[in-house]
Amino acid sequence: MKAIKKIFLLCSIFAILLLAACGGTEEKTSTEPKTTAEKSYTVEHAMGSTTIKGNPKRVVILTNEGTEALLALGVTPVGAVQSFTGNPWYEHIADKMKNVKVVGTESEVNVEAIAALKPDLIIGNKMRQEKIYEQLSAIAPTVFAETLRGDWKENFQLYAKALNKVDKGNKVIQNYDSRIAELKKKLGDKVQMKVSMVRFMAGEVRIYHQDTFSGVILKDLGFARPESQNVNDFAERNVTKERIPAMEGDILFYFTYETGDGKGSELEKEWIADPLFKNLEVAKKGEVHKVSDTIWNTAGGVLAANLMLDDIEKIFLKK
């Protein structure tokens, strides 16, 4: 009888322990965090609105200035359009683009190459790629900036939103603005100098106005401009030699777009050697400076903006 009671007691203890164990497992399961779907957010842009899920990791970028924006935000794209000059990337970003696939150029995007990369976000530009927006949207969520002109900061802020990196984007802009304020203070009265800007390219000469990449940066610094250039416009195009006097200023910067055939450089040499150009007061004073077309114009992004500030600091503060 005692043995039976002992067995019954052991069975009761075992049952209690088993129930406790089951209850523990059930409690653990109920308090374990559940996997939730990634949060989505919507970005308003030039083509409407696009909903993006989570934090995009495989990003394709279809403009040169956009490539610089991504790199500044700590994002290496899986695909990007080739730099205007470079093989395939501008020298100042080449070391950051080693494993990035080329997906055509800004004006000739390779849609098939983009699809093969299986991106989770595509960033482009209405001015360049409006006709293929629907094709791109069928591949992945696609966000387009409106245009490509001087105010790179406006596009940059859109890219930061698309990448869900608004805070990081604000820091990048704040760092740029702080540098502008610091350099402006160092320049002092030098910002009163009228800055003239000229571009040489195969078959065309341009006098640049305010609504250009470098024009906006000069305006940020408070520089004066010659009267004919002090307008909220892009540039005077197809300039003839009779317009050389309009290039006059207290200091003149020129940049040359060269694709490798030498034609841009030939045009530059011809104009710089022209008697009308040599007769400019700015030329007589030795205040004509050749600067990088990539940095002062073509790259068009935040990295180039900071490099342009480097140039300005070296040229003006050595005086």
C-alpha atoms as a PDB file:
ATOM      1  CA  MET A   1       0.000   0.000   0.000  1.00  0.00           C
ATOM      2  CA  LYS A   2       2.833   2.337   0.901  1.00  0.00           C
ATOM      3  CA  ALA A   3       4.504   1.544  -2.407  1.00  0.00           C
ATOM      4  CA  ILE A   4       1.337   2.449  -4.333  1.00  0.00           C
ATOM      5  CA  LYS A   5       1.068   5.756  -2.459  1.00  0.00           C
ATOM      6  CA  LYS A   6       4.713   6.490  -3.239  1.00  0.00           C
ATOM      7  CA  ILE A   7       4.171   5.824  -6.937  1.00  0.00           C
ATOM      8  CA  PHE A   8       1.022   8.019  -6.926  1.00  0.00           C
ATOM      9  CA  LEU A   9       2.952  10.836  -5.239  1.00  0.00           C
ATOM     10  CA  LEU A  10       5.779  10.623  -7.802  1.00  0.00           C
ATOM     11  CA  CYS A  11       3.263  10.677 -10.650  1.00  0.00           C
ATOM     12  CA  SER A  12       1.565  13.746  -9.144  1.00  0.00           C
ATOM     13  CA  ILE A  13       4.887  15.583  -8.840  1.00  0.00           C
ATOM     14  CA  PHE A  14       5.774  14.637 -12.424  1.00  0.00           C
ATOM     15  CA  ALA A  15       2.390  15.904 -13.665  1.00  0.00           C
ATOM     16  CA  ILE A  16       2.873  19.221 -11.854  1.00  0.00           C
ATOM     17  CA  LEU A  17       6.370  19.642 -13.304  1.00  0.00           C
ATOM     18  CA  LEU A  18       5.087  18.771 -16.782  1.00  0.00           C
ATOM     19  CA  LEU A  19       2.303  21.353 -16.528  1.00  0.00           C
ATOM     20  CA  ALA A  20       4.753  23.976 -15.275  1.00  0.00           C
ATOM     21  CA  ALA A  21       7.084  23.204 -18.157  1.00  0.00           C
ATOM     22  CA  CYS A  22       4.266  23.468 -20.686  1.00  0.00           C
ATOM     23  CA  GLY A  23       3.082  26.728 -19.113  1.00  0.00           C
ATOM     24  CA  GLY A  24       6.640  28.121 -19.278  1.00  0.00           C
ATOM     25  CA  THR A  25       6.956  27.272 -22.933  1.00  0.00           C
ATOM     26  CA  GLU A  26       3.615  28.852 -23.682  1.00  0.00           C
ATOM     27  CA  GLU A  27       4.592  32.040 -21.804  1.00  0.00           C
ATOM     28  CA  LYS A  28       7.934  32.256 -23.593  1.00  0.00           C
ATOM     29  CA  THR A  29       6.245  31.907 -26.963  1.00  0.00           C
ATOM     30  CA  SER A  30       3.686  34.597 -26.203  1.00  0.00           C
ATOM     31  CA  THR A  31       6.288  37.163 -25.059  1.00  0.00           C
ATOM     32  CA  GLU A  32       8.731  36.487 -27.906  1.00  0.00           C
ATOM     33  CA  PRO A  33       8.813  39.480 -30.310  1.00  0.00           C
ATOM     34  CA  LYS A  34       7.009  38.788 -33.526  1.00  0.00           C
ATOM     35  CA  THR A  35       8.566  39.534 -36.873  1.00  0.00           C
ATOM     36  CA  THR A  36       6.794  42.599 -38.234  1.00  0.00           C
ATOM     37  CA  ALA A  37       6.654  43.804 -41.829  1.00  0.00           C
ATOM     38  CA  GLU A  38       9.104  46.556 -42.702  1.00  0.00           C
ATOM     39  CA  LYS A  39       7.580  49.994 -42.407  1.00  0.00           C
ATOM     40  CA  SER A  40       6.694  51.787 -45.623  1.00  0.00           C
ATOM     41  CA  TYR A  41       6.992  55.491 -46.399  1.00  0.00           C
ATOM     42  CA  THR A  42       5.856  57.641 -49.298  1.00  0.00           C
ATOM     43  CA  VAL A  43       7.973  60.169 -51.205  1.00  0.00           C
ATOM     44  CA  GLU A  44       6.500  62.968 -53.309  1.00  0.00           C
ATOM     45  CA  HIS A  45       8.579  63.687 -56.409  1.00  0.00           C
ATOM     46  CA  ALA A  46       8.535  65.013 -59.979  1.00  0.00           C
ATOM     47  CA  MET A  47       6.435  62.127 -61.325  1.00  0.00           C
ATOM     48  CA  GLY A  48       3.957  61.858 -58.461  1.00  0.00           C
ATOM     49  CA  SER A  49       4.368  59.800 -55.304  1.00  0.00           C
ATOM     50  CA  THR A  50       6.140  56.508 -54.621  1.00  0.00           C
ATOM     51  CA  THR A  51       5.831  54.170 -51.643  1.00  0.00           C
ATOM     52  CA  ILE A  52       9.061  52.542 -50.511  1.00  0.00           C
ATOM     53  CA  LYS A  53       9.390  49.673 -48.045  1.00  0.00           C
ATOM     54  CA  GLY A  54      12.041  49.600 -45.328  1.00  0.00           C
ATOM     55  CA  ASN A  55      15.542  50.944 -45.910  1.00  0.00           C
ATOM     56  CA  PRO A  56      16.583  50.436 -49.547  1.00  0.00           C
ATOM     57  CA  LYS A  57      19.833  48.521 -49.864  1.00  0.00           C
ATOM     58  CA  ARG A  58      20.096  47.871 -53.602  1.00  0.00           C
ATOM     59  CA  VAL A  59      19.907  51.325 -55.148  1.00  0.00           C
ATOM     60  CA  VAL A  60      20.386  52.316 -58.782  1.00  0.00           C
ATOM     61  CA  ILE A  61      21.151  55.991 -59.459  1.00  0.00           C
ATOM     62  CA  LEU A  62      20.737  57.599 -62.881  1.00  0.00           C
ATOM     63  CA  THR A  63      22.471  60.975 -62.547  1.00  0.00           C
ATOM     64  CA  ASN A  64      26.032  62.031 -61.805  1.00  0.00           C
ATOM     65  CA  GLU A  65      25.032  64.462 -59.063  1.00  0.00           C
ATOM     66  CA  GLY A  66      22.815  61.750 -57.594  1.00  0.00           C
ATOM     67  CA  THR A  67      25.769  59.382 -57.407  1.00  0.00           C
ATOM     68  CA  GLU A  68      27.636  61.945 -55.310  1.00  0.00           C
ATOM     69  CA  ALA A  69      24.597  62.348 -53.070  1.00  0.00           C
ATOM     70  CA  LEU A  70      24.397  58.608 -52.383  1.00  0.00           C
ATOM     71  CA  LEU A  71      28.094  58.390 -51.547  1.00  0.00           C
ATOM     72  CA  ALA A  72      27.812  61.373 -49.191  1.00  0.00           C
ATOM     73  CA  LEU A  73      24.894  59.611 -47.469  1.00  0.00           C
ATOM     74  CA  GLY A  74      26.988  56.486 -46.968  1.00  0.00           C
ATOM     75  CA  VAL A  75      25.238  54.445 -49.677  1.00  0.00           C
ATOM     76  CA  THR A  76      27.168  52.688 -52.421  1.00  0.00           C
ATOM     77  CA  PRO A  77      24.816  52.076 -55.359  1.00  0.00           C
ATOM     78  CA  VAL A  78      24.638  48.655 -56.993  1.00  0.00           C
ATOM     79  CA  GLY A  79      24.341  50.421 -60.352  1.00  0.00           C
ATOM     80  CA  ALA A  80      24.946  53.931 -61.661  1.00  0.00           C
ATOM     81  CA  VAL A  81      25.160  55.807 -64.929  1.00  0.00           C
ATOM     82  CA  GLN A  82      28.697  56.387 -66.141  1.00  0.00           C
ATOM     83  CA  SER A  83      30.393  59.680 -65.305  1.00  0.00           C
ATOM     84  CA  PHE A  84      30.392  62.171 -68.190  1.00  0.00           C
ATOM     85  CA  THR A  85      34.155  61.933 -68.281  1.00  0.00           C
ATOM     86  CA  GLY A  86      36.047  59.103 -66.676  1.00  0.00           C
ATOM     87  CA  ASN A  87      36.559  55.436 -67.322  1.00  0.00           C
ATOM     88  CA  PRO A  88      33.933  54.865 -66.092  1.00  0.00           C
ATOM     89  CA  TRP A  89      33.960  57.144 -63.006  1.00  0.00           C
ATOM     90  CA  TYR A  90      35.219  60.613 -62.196  1.00  0.00           C
ATOM     91  CA  GLU A  91      38.630  60.514 -60.568  1.00  0.00           C
ATOM     92  CA  HIS A  92      37.382  61.992 -57.287  1.00  0.00           C
ATOM     93  CA  ILE A  93      34.841  59.158 -56.757  1.00  0.00           C
ATOM     94  CA  ALA A  94      36.569  56.223 -58.514  1.00  0.00           C
ATOM     95  CA  ASP A  95      37.853  54.635 -55.299  1.00  0.00           C
ATOM     96  CA  LYS A  96      34.300  54.509 -53.901  1.00  0.00           C
ATOM     97  CA  MET A  97      32.768  52.935 -57.045  1.00  0.00           C
ATOM     98  CA  LYS A  98      34.912  49.828 -57.579  1.00  0.00           C
ATOM     99  CA  ASN A  99      32.109  47.240 -57.512  1.00  0.00           C
ATOM    100  CA  VAL A 100      29.338  49.394 -58.997  1.00  0.00           C
ATOM    101  CA  LYS A 101      27.832  48.258 -62.316  1.00  0.00           C
ATOM    102  CA  VAL A 102      27.489  50.750 -65.171  1.00  0.00           C
ATOM    103  CA  VAL A 103      23.873  51.080 -66.359  1.00  0.00           C
ATOM    104  CA  GLY A 104      24.421  53.358 -69.358  1.00  0.00           C
ATOM    105  CA  THR A 105      24.632  57.143 -69.366  1.00  0.00           C
ATOM    106  CA  GLU A 106      22.252  59.857 -68.145  1.00  0.00           C
ATOM    107  CA  SER A 107      20.793  60.240 -71.643  1.00  0.00           C
ATOM    108  CA  GLU A 108      20.931  56.545 -72.620  1.00  0.00           C
ATOM    109  CA  VAL A 109      19.951  54.359 -69.699  1.00  0.00           C
ATOM    110  CA  ASN A 110      20.225  50.572 -70.054  1.00  0.00           C
ATOM    111  CA  VAL A 111      16.903  49.358 -68.607  1.00  0.00           C
ATOM    112  CA  GLU A 112      17.827  45.679 -68.996  1.00  0.00           C
ATOM    113  CA  ALA A 113      21.030  46.178 -67.001  1.00  0.00           C
ATOM    114  CA  ILE A 114      19.022  47.842 -64.239  1.00  0.00           C
ATOM    115  CA  ALA A 115      16.491  44.993 -64.105  1.00  0.00           C
ATOM    116  CA  ALA A 116      19.312  42.449 -63.852  1.00  0.00           C
ATOM    117  CA  LEU A 117      20.559  44.137 -60.664  1.00  0.00           C
ATOM    118  CA  LYS A 118      17.182  43.556 -58.926  1.00  0.00           C
ATOM    119  CA  PRO A 119      17.163  46.952 -57.194  1.00  0.00           C
ATOM    120  CA  ASP A 120      14.781  47.882 -54.402  1.00  0.00           C
ATOM    121  CA  LEU A 121      14.977  51.592 -55.347  1.00  0.00           C
ATOM    122  CA  ILE A 122      15.730  53.529 -58.531  1.00  0.00           C
ATOM    123  CA  ILE A 123      16.501  57.267 -58.440  1.00  0.00           C
ATOM    124  CA  GLY A 124      16.462  59.269 -61.660  1.00  0.00           C
ATOM    125  CA  ASN A 125      15.599  62.633 -63.168  1.00  0.00           C
ATOM    126  CA  LYS A 126      12.572  63.842 -65.124  1.00  0.00           C
ATOM    127  CA  MET A 127      14.676  66.127 -67.319  1.00  0.00           C
ATOM    128  CA  ARG A 128      16.803  63.178 -68.419  1.00  0.00           C
ATOM    129  CA  GLN A 129      14.629  60.045 -68.189  1.00  0.00           C
ATOM    130  CA  GLU A 130      10.946  60.979 -68.195  1.00  0.00           C
ATOM    131  CA  LYS A 131      10.198  58.702 -71.179  1.00  0.00           C
ATOM    132  CA  ILE A 132      11.295  55.535 -69.376  1.00  0.00           C
ATOM    133  CA  TYR A 133       9.769  56.267 -65.971  1.00  0.00           C
ATOM    134  CA  GLU A 134       7.003  53.654 -66.372  1.00  0.00           C
ATOM    135  CA  GLN A 135       9.512  50.983 -67.407  1.00  0.00           C
ATOM    136  CA  LEU A 136      11.676  51.750 -64.403  1.00  0.00           C
ATOM    137  CA  SER A 137       8.691  51.800 -62.039  1.00  0.00           C
ATOM    138  CA  ALA A 138       7.799  48.281 -63.192  1.00  0.00           C
ATOM    139  CA  ILE A 139      11.226  47.123 -61.967  1.00  0.00           C
ATOM    140  CA  ALA A 140      11.311  48.814 -58.555  1.00  0.00           C
ATOM    141  CA  PRO A 141       9.989  51.858 -56.677  1.00  0.00           C
ATOM    142  CA  THR A 142      11.285  54.853 -58.645  1.00  0.00           C
ATOM    143  CA  VAL A 143      11.803  58.454 -57.548  1.00  0.00           C
ATOM    144  CA  PHE A 144      12.604  61.291 -59.974  1.00  0.00           C
ATOM    145  CA  ALA A 145      13.988  64.753 -59.272  1.00  0.00           C
ATOM    146  CA  GLU A 146      12.509  67.500 -61.453  1.00  0.00           C
ATOM    147  CA  THR A 147      15.571  68.927 -63.180  1.00  0.00           C
ATOM    148  CA  LEU A 148      19.339  69.343 -63.216  1.00  0.00           C
ATOM    149  CA  ARG A 149      20.393  72.917 -62.742  1.00  0.00           C
ATOM    150  CA  GLY A 150      22.231  74.874 -60.104  1.00  0.00           C
ATOM    151  CA  ASP A 151      20.535  74.084 -56.817  1.00  0.00           C
ATOM    152  CA  TRP A 152      21.967  70.652 -56.094  1.00  0.00           C
ATOM    153  CA  LYS A 153      20.780  70.889 -52.479  1.00  0.00           C
ATOM    154  CA  GLU A 154      17.128  70.598 -53.497  1.00  0.00           C
ATOM    155  CA  ASN A 155      17.747  67.302 -55.300  1.00  0.00           C
ATOM    156  CA  PHE A 156      19.993  66.099 -52.480  1.00  0.00           C
ATOM    157  CA  GLN A 157      17.195  66.497 -49.937  1.00  0.00           C
ATOM    158  CA  LEU A 158      14.848  64.486 -52.164  1.00  0.00           C
ATOM    159  CA  TYR A 159      17.401  61.673 -52.418  1.00  0.00           C
ATOM    160  CA  ALA A 160      17.811  61.647 -48.635  1.00  0.00           C
ATOM    161  CA  LYS A 161      14.035  61.212 -48.268  1.00  0.00           C
ATOM    162  CA  ALA A 162      13.973  58.418 -50.852  1.00  0.00           C
ATOM    163  CA  LEU A 163      16.744  56.590 -48.998  1.00  0.00           C
ATOM    164  CA  ASN A 164      15.045  57.119 -45.617  1.00  0.00           C
ATOM    165  CA  LYS A 165      18.143  59.025 -44.460  1.00  0.00           C
ATOM    166  CA  VAL A 166      16.726  62.481 -43.781  1.00  0.00           C
ATOM    167  CA  ASP A 167      18.741  63.000 -40.579  1.00  0.00           C
ATOM    168  CA  LYS A 168      21.986  62.025 -42.281  1.00  0.00           C
ATOM    169  CA  GLY A 169      21.103  64.291 -45.203  1.00  0.00           C
ATOM    170  CA  ASN A 170      20.485  67.225 -42.874  1.00  0.00           C
ATOM    171  CA  LYS A 171      23.941  66.736 -41.343  1.00  0.00           C
ATOM    172  CA  VAL A 172      25.596  66.756 -44.777  1.00  0.00           C
ATOM    173  CA  ILE A 173      23.840  70.015 -45.685  1.00  0.00           C
ATOM    174  CA  GLN A 174      24.637  71.537 -42.283  1.00  0.00           C
ATOM    175  CA  ASN A 175      28.334  70.699 -42.756  1.00  0.00           C
ATOM    176  CA  TYR A 176      28.299  72.357 -46.191  1.00  0.00           C
ATOM    177  CA  ASP A 177      26.492  75.455 -44.864  1.00  0.00           C
ATOM    178  CA  SER A 178      28.968  75.717 -41.978  1.00  0.00           C
ATOM    179  CA  ARG A 179      31.859  75.549 -44.391  1.00  0.00           C
ATOM    180  CA  ILE A 180      30.273  78.256 -46.566  1.00  0.00           C
ATOM    181  CA  ALA A 181      29.883  80.534 -43.528  1.00  0.00           C
ATOM    182  CA  GLU A 182      33.471  79.910 -42.413  1.00  0.00           C
ATOM    183  CA  LEU A 183      34.951  80.514 -45.874  1.00  0.00           C
ATOM    184  CA  LYS A 184      32.795  83.601 -46.422  1.00  0.00           C
ATOM    185  CA  LYS A 185      34.227  85.074 -43.235  1.00  0.00           C
ATOM    186  CA  LYS A 186      37.788  84.336 -44.376  1.00  0.00           C
ATOM    187  CA  LEU A 187      37.183  85.872 -47.814  1.00  0.00           C
ATOM    188  CA  GLY A 188      35.978  89.161 -46.347  1.00  0.00           C
ATOM    189  CA  ASP A 189      35.981  91.974 -48.927  1.00  0.00           C
ATOM    190  CA  LYS A 190      37.200  89.585 -51.647  1.00  0.00           C
ATOM    191  CA  VAL A 191      33.596  88.560 -52.286  1.00  0.00           C
ATOM    192  CA  GLN A 192      33.107  92.000 -53.813  1.00  0.00           C
ATOM    193  CA  MET A 193      35.226  90.902 -56.779  1.00  0.00           C
ATOM    194  CA  LYS A 194      33.087  90.320 -59.875  1.00  0.00           C
ATOM    195  CA  VAL A 195      33.512  86.670 -60.855  1.00  0.00           C
ATOM    196  CA  SER A 196      33.144  85.770 -64.544  1.00  0.00           C
ATOM    197  CA  MET A 197      32.667  82.160 -65.686  1.00  0.00           C
ATOM    198  CA  VAL A 198      33.202  80.705 -69.142  1.00  0.00           C
ATOM    199  CA  ARG A 199      32.945  77.170 -70.494  1.00  0.00           C
ATOM    200  CA  PHE A 200      34.560  75.740 -73.618  1.00  0.00           C
ATOM    201  CA  MET A 201      33.242  72.581 -75.242  1.00  0.00           C
ATOM    202  CA  ALA A 202      33.451  71.046 -78.704  1.00  0.00           C
ATOM    203  CA  GLY A 203      31.760  73.474 -81.075  1.00  0.00           C
ATOM    204  CA  GLU A 204      30.400  75.826 -78.406  1.00  0.00           C
ATOM    205  CA  VAL A 205      31.416  78.526 -75.929  1.00  0.00           C
ATOM    206  CA  ARG A 206      29.162  79.528 -73.038  1.00  0.00           C
ATOM    207  CA  ILE A 207      29.139  82.375 -70.541  1.00  0.00           C
ATOM    208  CA  TYR A 208      27.657  80.988 -67.336  1.00  0.00           C
ATOM    209  CA  HIS A 209      25.034  82.758 -65.224  1.00  0.00           C
ATOM    210  CA  GLN A 210      23.737  82.194 -61.688  1.00  0.00           C
ATOM    211  CA  ASP A 211      21.530  79.148 -62.228  1.00  0.00           C
ATOM    212  CA  THR A 212      24.437  76.764 -62.665  1.00  0.00           C
ATOM    213  CA  PHE A 213      26.204  74.459 -60.252  1.00  0.00           C
ATOM    214  CA  SER A 214      29.173  76.762 -59.709  1.00  0.00           C
ATOM    215  CA  GLY A 215      26.973  79.863 -59.981  1.00  0.00           C
ATOM    216  CA  VAL A 216      24.887  78.774 -56.996  1.00  0.00           C
ATOM    217  CA  ILE A 217      27.996  78.107 -54.912  1.00  0.00           C
ATOM    218  CA  LEU A 218      29.426  81.534 -55.775  1.00  0.00           C
ATOM    219  CA  LYS A 219      26.076  83.034 -54.759  1.00  0.00           C
ATOM    220  CA  ASP A 220      26.149  81.080 -51.470  1.00  0.00           C
ATOM    221  CA  LEU A 221      29.510  82.719 -50.771  1.00  0.00           C
ATOM    222  CA  GLY A 222      28.142  86.152 -51.637  1.00  0.00           C
ATOM    223  CA  PHE A 223      30.369  86.819 -54.648  1.00  0.00           C
ATOM    224  CA  ALA A 224      29.503  89.619 -57.054  1.00  0.00           C
ATOM    225  CA  ARG A 225      29.037  88.821 -60.754  1.00  0.00           C
ATOM    226  CA  PRO A 226      29.409  90.929 -63.921  1.00  0.00           C
ATOM    227  CA  GLU A 227      26.083  92.568 -64.746  1.00  0.00           C
ATOM    228  CA  SER A 228      25.370  90.416 -67.816  1.00  0.00           C
ATOM    229  CA  GLN A 229      26.007  87.248 -65.776  1.00  0.00           C
ATOM    230  CA  ASN A 230      24.130  88.377 -62.679  1.00  0.00           C
ATOM    231  CA  VAL A 231      20.834  86.895 -63.859  1.00  0.00           C
ATOM    232  CA  ASN A 232      18.817  83.910 -62.645  1.00  0.00           C
ATOM    233  CA  ASP A 233      19.384  81.941 -65.820  1.00  0.00           C
ATOM    234  CA  PHE A 234      21.588  79.068 -66.957  1.00  0.00           C
ATOM    235  CA  ALA A 235      23.970  80.478 -69.555  1.00  0.00           C
ATOM    236  CA  GLU A 236      24.482  82.511 -72.701  1.00  0.00           C
ATOM    237  CA  ARG A 237      24.985  79.766 -75.279  1.00  0.00           C
ATOM    238  CA  ASN A 238      26.732  79.617 -78.648  1.00  0.00           C
ATOM    239  CA  VAL A 239      28.757  82.715 -77.840  1.00  0.00           C
ATOM    240  CA  THR A 240      30.659  84.321 -80.731  1.00  0.00           C
ATOM    241  CA  LYS A 241      33.997  86.104 -80.370  1.00  0.00           C
ATOM    242  CA  GLU A 242      32.234  89.445 -80.600  1.00  0.00           C
ATOM    243  CA  ARG A 243      30.857  88.616 -77.132  1.00  0.00           C
ATOM    244  CA  ILE A 244      34.295  88.210 -75.556  1.00  0.00           C
ATOM    245  CA  PRO A 245      34.006  91.653 -73.871  1.00  0.00           C
ATOM    246  CA  ALA A 246      31.028  90.231 -71.907  1.00  0.00           C
ATOM    247  CA  MET A 247      33.508  87.882 -70.228  1.00  0.00           C
ATOM    248  CA  GLU A 248      35.136  90.797 -68.413  1.00  0.00           C
ATOM    249  CA  GLY A 249      35.340  90.647 -64.643  1.00  0.00           C
ATOM    250  CA  ASP A 250      37.681  91.175 -61.711  1.00  0.00           C
ATOM    251  CA  ILE A 251      38.547  87.489 -61.913  1.00  0.00           C
ATOM    252  CA  LEU A 252      37.650  84.901 -64.585  1.00  0.00           C
ATOM    253  CA  PHE A 253      37.331  81.161 -64.211  1.00  0.00           C
ATOM    254  CA  TYR A 254      37.020  78.926 -67.248  1.00  0.00           C
ATOM    255  CA  PHE A 255      36.556  75.193 -67.601  1.00  0.00           C
ATOM    256  CA  THR A 256      36.717  72.945 -70.641  1.00  0.00           C
ATOM    257  CA  TYR A 257      34.583  69.898 -71.359  1.00  0.00           C
ATOM    258  CA  GLU A 258      36.809  67.371 -73.107  1.00  0.00           C
ATOM    259  CA  THR A 259      35.557  63.985 -74.293  1.00  0.00           C
ATOM    260  CA  GLY A 260      38.929  62.748 -75.525  1.00  0.00           C
ATOM    261  CA  ASP A 261      38.924  63.915 -79.136  1.00  0.00           C
ATOM    262  CA  GLY A 262      40.742  67.144 -78.262  1.00  0.00           C
ATOM    263  CA  LYS A 263      38.107  69.428 -79.798  1.00  0.00           C
ATOM    264  CA  GLY A 264      37.139  71.143 -76.556  1.00  0.00           C
ATOM    265  CA  SER A 265      40.788  71.835 -75.745  1.00  0.00           C
ATOM    266  CA  GLU A 266      41.438  73.149 -79.262  1.00  0.00           C
ATOM    267  CA  LEU A 267      38.591  75.632 -78.932  1.00  0.00           C
ATOM    268  CA  GLU A 268      39.872  76.720 -75.528  1.00  0.00           C
ATOM    269  CA  LYS A 269      43.385  77.431 -76.852  1.00  0.00           C
ATOM    270  CA  GLU A 270      42.002  79.334 -79.852  1.00  0.00           C
ATOM    271  CA  TRP A 271      39.863  81.640 -77.709  1.00  0.00           C
ATOM    272  CA  ILE A 272      42.392  82.210 -74.924  1.00  0.00           C
ATOM    273  CA  ALA A 273      44.952  83.224 -77.585  1.00  0.00           C
ATOM    274  CA  ASP A 274      42.537  85.559 -79.394  1.00  0.00           C
ATOM    275  CA  PRO A 275      43.555  89.267 -79.295  1.00  0.00           C
ATOM    276  CA  LEU A 276      40.090  90.226 -78.004  1.00  0.00           C
ATOM    277  CA  PHE A 277      40.473  87.864 -75.056  1.00  0.00           C
ATOM    278  CA  LYS A 278      44.040  88.988 -74.344  1.00  0.00           C
ATOM    279  CA  ASN A 279      42.782  92.582 -74.327  1.00  0.00           C
ATOM    280  CA  LEU A 280      40.402  91.919 -71.430  1.00  0.00           C
ATOM    281  CA  GLU A 281      41.485  93.750 -68.270  1.00  0.00           C
ATOM    282  CA  VAL A 282      41.096  90.522 -66.321  1.00  0.00           C
ATOM    283  CA  ALA A 283      43.572  88.826 -68.689  1.00  0.00           C
ATOM    284  CA  LYS A 284      46.044  91.713 -68.492  1.00  0.00           C
ATOM    285  CA  LYS A 285      45.964  91.496 -64.686  1.00  0.00           C
ATOM    286  CA  GLY A 286      46.682  87.751 -64.814  1.00  0.00           C
ATOM    287  CA  GLU A 287      43.390  86.893 -63.146  1.00  0.00           C
ATOM    288  CA  VAL A 288      42.280  84.201 -65.632  1.00  0.00           C
ATOM    289  CA  HIS A 289      42.196  80.762 -63.992  1.00  0.00           C
ATOM    290  CA  LYS A 290      41.534  77.378 -65.557  1.00  0.00           C
ATOM    291  CA  VAL A 291      39.644  75.039 -63.216  1.00  0.00           C
ATOM    292  CA  SER A 292      38.270  71.506 -63.499  1.00  0.00           C
ATOM    293  CA  ASP A 293      35.108  71.148 -65.600  1.00  0.00           C
ATOM    294  CA  THR A 294      34.270  68.045 -63.564  1.00  0.00           C
ATOM    295  CA  ILE A 295      34.442  69.851 -60.227  1.00  0.00           C
ATOM    296  CA  TRP A 296      33.061  73.247 -61.249  1.00  0.00           C
ATOM    297  CA  ASN A 297      30.314  72.021 -63.535  1.00  0.00           C
ATOM    298  CA  THR A 298      29.770  68.467 -64.693  1.00  0.00           C
ATOM    299  CA  ALA A 299      29.746  66.326 -61.534  1.00  0.00           C
ATOM    300  CA  GLY A 300      27.203  68.653 -59.966  1.00  0.00           C
ATOM    301  CA  GLY A 301      26.993  67.055 -56.528  1.00  0.00           C
ATOM    302  CA  VAL A 302      27.905  67.631 -52.899  1.00  0.00           C
ATOM    303  CA  LEU A 303      31.368  66.059 -53.154  1.00  0.00           C
ATOM    304  CA  ALA A 304      32.276  68.311 -56.080  1.00  0.00           C
ATOM    305  CA  ALA A 305      30.808  71.305 -54.221  1.00  0.00           C
ATOM    306  CA  ASN A 306      33.256  70.794 -51.386  1.00  0.00           C
ATOM    307  CA  LEU A 307      36.143  70.360 -53.817  1.00  0.00           C
ATOM    308  CA  MET A 308      35.141  73.609 -55.536  1.00  0.00           C
ATOM    309  CA  LEU A 309      35.295  75.332 -52.143  1.00  0.00           C
ATOM    310  CA  ASP A 310      38.836  73.955 -51.814  1.00  0.00           C
ATOM    311  CA  ASP A 311      39.739  75.622 -55.137  1.00  0.00           C
ATOM    312  CA  ILE A 312      38.213  78.943 -54.123  1.00  0.00           C
ATOM    313  CA  GLU A 313      40.046  78.895 -50.823  1.00  0.00           C
ATOM    314  CA  LYS A 314      43.400  78.224 -52.519  1.00  0.00           C
ATOM    315  CA  ILE A 315      42.942  80.818 -55.278  1.00  0.00           C
ATOM    316  CA  PHE A 316      41.490  83.708 -53.275  1.00  0.00           C
ATOM    317  CA  LEU A 317      43.237  83.309 -49.943  1.00  0.00           C
ATOM    318  CA  LYS A 318      46.701  83.226 -51.487  1.00  0.00           C
ATOM    319  CA  LYS A 319      46.191  86.814 -52.674  1.00  0.00           C
END
